[in-house]
C-alpha atoms as a PDB file:
ATOM      1  CA  MET A   1     -74.591 -94.848 -91.339  1.00  0.00           C
ATOM      2  CA  VAL A   2     -75.358 -94.301 -87.527  1.00  0.00           C
ATOM      3  CA  ARG A   3     -78.881 -94.401 -86.968  1.00  0.00           C
ATOM      4  CA  LYS A   4     -80.327 -91.333 -84.787  1.00  0.00           C
ATOM      5  CA  THR A   5     -80.806 -92.022 -81.389  1.00  0.00           C
ATOM      6  CA  ILE A   6     -84.781 -90.880 -81.594  1.00  0.00           C
ATOM      7  CA  PHE A   7     -85.473 -93.862 -83.830  1.00  0.00           C
ATOM      8  CA  ASP A   8     -83.428 -96.408 -81.607  1.00  0.00           C
ATOM      9  CA  PRO A   9     -86.611 -98.971 -80.495  1.00  0.00           C
ATOM     10  CA  LYS A  10     -84.763 -98.752 -76.965  1.00  0.00           C
ATOM     11  CA  TYR A  11     -85.272 -94.962 -76.824  1.00  0.00           C
ATOM     12  CA  ARG A  12     -88.781 -95.213 -77.821  1.00  0.00           C
ATOM     13  CA  ALA A  13     -89.330 -97.511 -75.559  1.00  0.00           C
ATOM     14  CA  MET A  14     -87.781 -95.033 -72.741  1.00  0.00           C
ATOM     15  CA  ILE A  15     -90.571 -92.399 -74.088  1.00  0.00           C
ATOM     16  CA  ASN A  16     -93.552 -94.587 -73.905  1.00  0.00           C
ATOM     17  CA  SER A  17     -92.286 -95.471 -70.205  1.00  0.00           C
ATOM     18  CA  LEU A  18     -92.428 -91.482 -69.288  1.00  0.00           C
ATOM     19  CA  LYS A  19     -95.529 -91.066 -71.299  1.00  0.00           C
ATOM     20  CA  THR A  20     -97.376 -94.131 -69.375  1.00  0.00           C
ATOM     21  CA  LEU A  21     -95.666 -92.750 -66.133  1.00  0.00           C
ATOM     22  CA  ARG A  22     -96.989 -89.066 -66.408  1.00  0.00           C
ATOM     23  CA  VAL A  23    -100.790 -90.687 -67.287  1.00  0.00           C
ATOM     24  CA  GLN A  24    -100.206 -92.837 -64.350  1.00  0.00           C
ATOM     25  CA  HIS A  25     -99.661 -89.674 -61.862  1.00  0.00           C
ATOM     26  CA  GLY A  26    -102.747 -88.195 -63.609  1.00  0.00           C
ATOM     27  CA  LEU A  27    -100.810 -85.521 -65.157  1.00  0.00           C
ATOM     28  CA  THR A  28    -101.810 -83.871 -68.637  1.00  0.00           C
ATOM     29  CA  GLN A  29     -99.034 -82.543 -71.009  1.00  0.00           C
ATOM     30  CA  ARG A  30     -99.810 -79.332 -69.916  1.00  0.00           C
ATOM     31  CA  ASP A  31     -99.514 -80.076 -66.292  1.00  0.00           C
ATOM     32  CA  LEU A  32     -96.176 -81.415 -66.470  1.00  0.00           C
ATOM     33  CA  ALA A  33     -95.006 -78.766 -68.730  1.00  0.00           C
ATOM     34  CA  LYS A  34     -96.017 -76.398 -66.135  1.00  0.00           C
ATOM     35  CA  ARG A  35     -94.259 -78.348 -63.523  1.00  0.00           C
ATOM     36  CA  LEU A  36     -91.375 -78.634 -65.823  1.00  0.00           C
ATOM     37  CA  GLY A  37     -91.435 -74.648 -66.070  1.00  0.00           C
ATOM     38  CA  VAL A  38     -91.792 -74.761 -70.443  1.00  0.00           C
ATOM     39  CA  ALA A  39     -94.037 -74.729 -72.583  1.00  0.00           C
ATOM     40  CA  HIS A  40     -96.355 -77.770 -73.429  1.00  0.00           C
ATOM     41  CA  CYS A  41     -95.159 -78.280 -76.816  1.00  0.00           C
ATOM     42  CA  PHE A  42     -91.943 -79.509 -75.033  1.00  0.00           C
ATOM     43  CA  VAL A  43     -93.816 -82.033 -73.543  1.00  0.00           C
ATOM     44  CA  GLY A  44     -95.174 -82.922 -76.416  1.00  0.00           C
ATOM     45  CA  ARG A  45     -92.698 -83.048 -78.656  1.00  0.00           C
ATOM     46  CA  ALA A  46     -90.598 -84.903 -76.561  1.00  0.00           C
ATOM     47  CA  GLU A  47     -93.511 -87.750 -76.279  1.00  0.00           C
ATOM     48  CA  THR A  48     -93.779 -88.152 -80.355  1.00  0.00           C
ATOM     49  CA  CYS A  49     -89.878 -88.156 -80.536  1.00  0.00           C
ATOM     50  CA  GLU A  50     -89.605 -84.784 -82.623  1.00  0.00           C
ATOM     51  CA  ARG A  51     -87.552 -83.408 -79.636  1.00  0.00           C
ATOM     52  CA  ARG A  52     -84.722 -85.863 -78.216  1.00  0.00           C
ATOM     53  CA  LEU A  53     -83.969 -85.501 -74.420  1.00  0.00           C
ATOM     54  CA  ASP A  54     -81.186 -85.766 -73.019  1.00  0.00           C
ATOM     55  CA  ILE A  55     -80.555 -87.064 -69.478  1.00  0.00           C
ATOM     56  CA  MET A  56     -80.817 -83.863 -67.748  1.00  0.00           C
ATOM     57  CA  ASP A  57     -84.086 -83.412 -69.236  1.00  0.00           C
ATOM     58  CA  LEU A  58     -85.029 -87.193 -68.273  1.00  0.00           C
ATOM     59  CA  VAL A  59     -84.082 -86.411 -64.551  1.00  0.00           C
ATOM     60  CA  ARG A  60     -86.221 -83.121 -64.240  1.00  0.00           C
ATOM     61  CA  ILE A  61     -89.022 -84.620 -66.010  1.00  0.00           C
ATOM     62  CA  LEU A  62     -88.940 -87.271 -63.552  1.00  0.00           C
ATOM     63  CA  ARG A  63     -88.165 -85.200 -60.723  1.00  0.00           C
ATOM     64  CA  ALA A  64     -90.981 -83.621 -61.668  1.00  0.00           C
ATOM     65  CA  MET A  65     -93.270 -86.304 -61.476  1.00  0.00           C
ATOM     66  CA  ASP A  66     -92.027 -86.737 -57.528  1.00  0.00           C
ATOM     67  CA  PHE A  67     -89.759 -89.361 -58.197  1.00  0.00           C
ATOM     68  CA  THR A  68     -87.301 -89.549 -55.575  1.00  0.00           C
ATOM     69  CA  ASP A  69     -83.289 -90.542 -56.295  1.00  0.00           C
ATOM     70  CA  HIS A  70     -83.678 -94.020 -55.691  1.00  0.00           C
ATOM     71  CA  GLU A  71     -86.615 -94.589 -58.024  1.00  0.00           C
ATOM     72  CA  ILE A  72     -84.908 -92.300 -60.601  1.00  0.00           C
ATOM     73  CA  LEU A  73     -82.239 -95.111 -60.530  1.00  0.00           C
ATOM     74  CA  ARG A  74     -84.572 -97.519 -60.603  1.00  0.00           C
ATOM     75  CA  PHE A  75     -86.192 -95.849 -63.872  1.00  0.00           C
ATOM     76  CA  PHE A  76     -82.729 -96.131 -65.734  1.00  0.00           C
ATOM     77  CA  GLU A  77     -81.919 -99.537 -64.435  1.00  0.00           C
ATOM     78  CA  LYS A  78     -85.051-100.754 -65.821  1.00  0.00           C
ATOM     79  CA  LEU A  79     -83.868 -99.004 -69.237  1.00  0.00           C
ATOM     80  CA  LEU A  80     -80.510-101.490 -69.421  1.00  0.00           C
END
């Protein structure tokens, strides 16, 4: 049986990294959601792994935190 991505320890570590970055940038879940143009529950569900993020979601979130393309690539390199 294949394990779902949201239960993978590497996925959870990535989500924890995103949450840490959000907090370091002084953003609440509502602040980030506003920047993304989504309901705040989107951010909350993503951070609790109730909602799986795809690559485009991840890029949008990082850009909403003012990451440059280079910083986004570095974020993904650290995950490998």
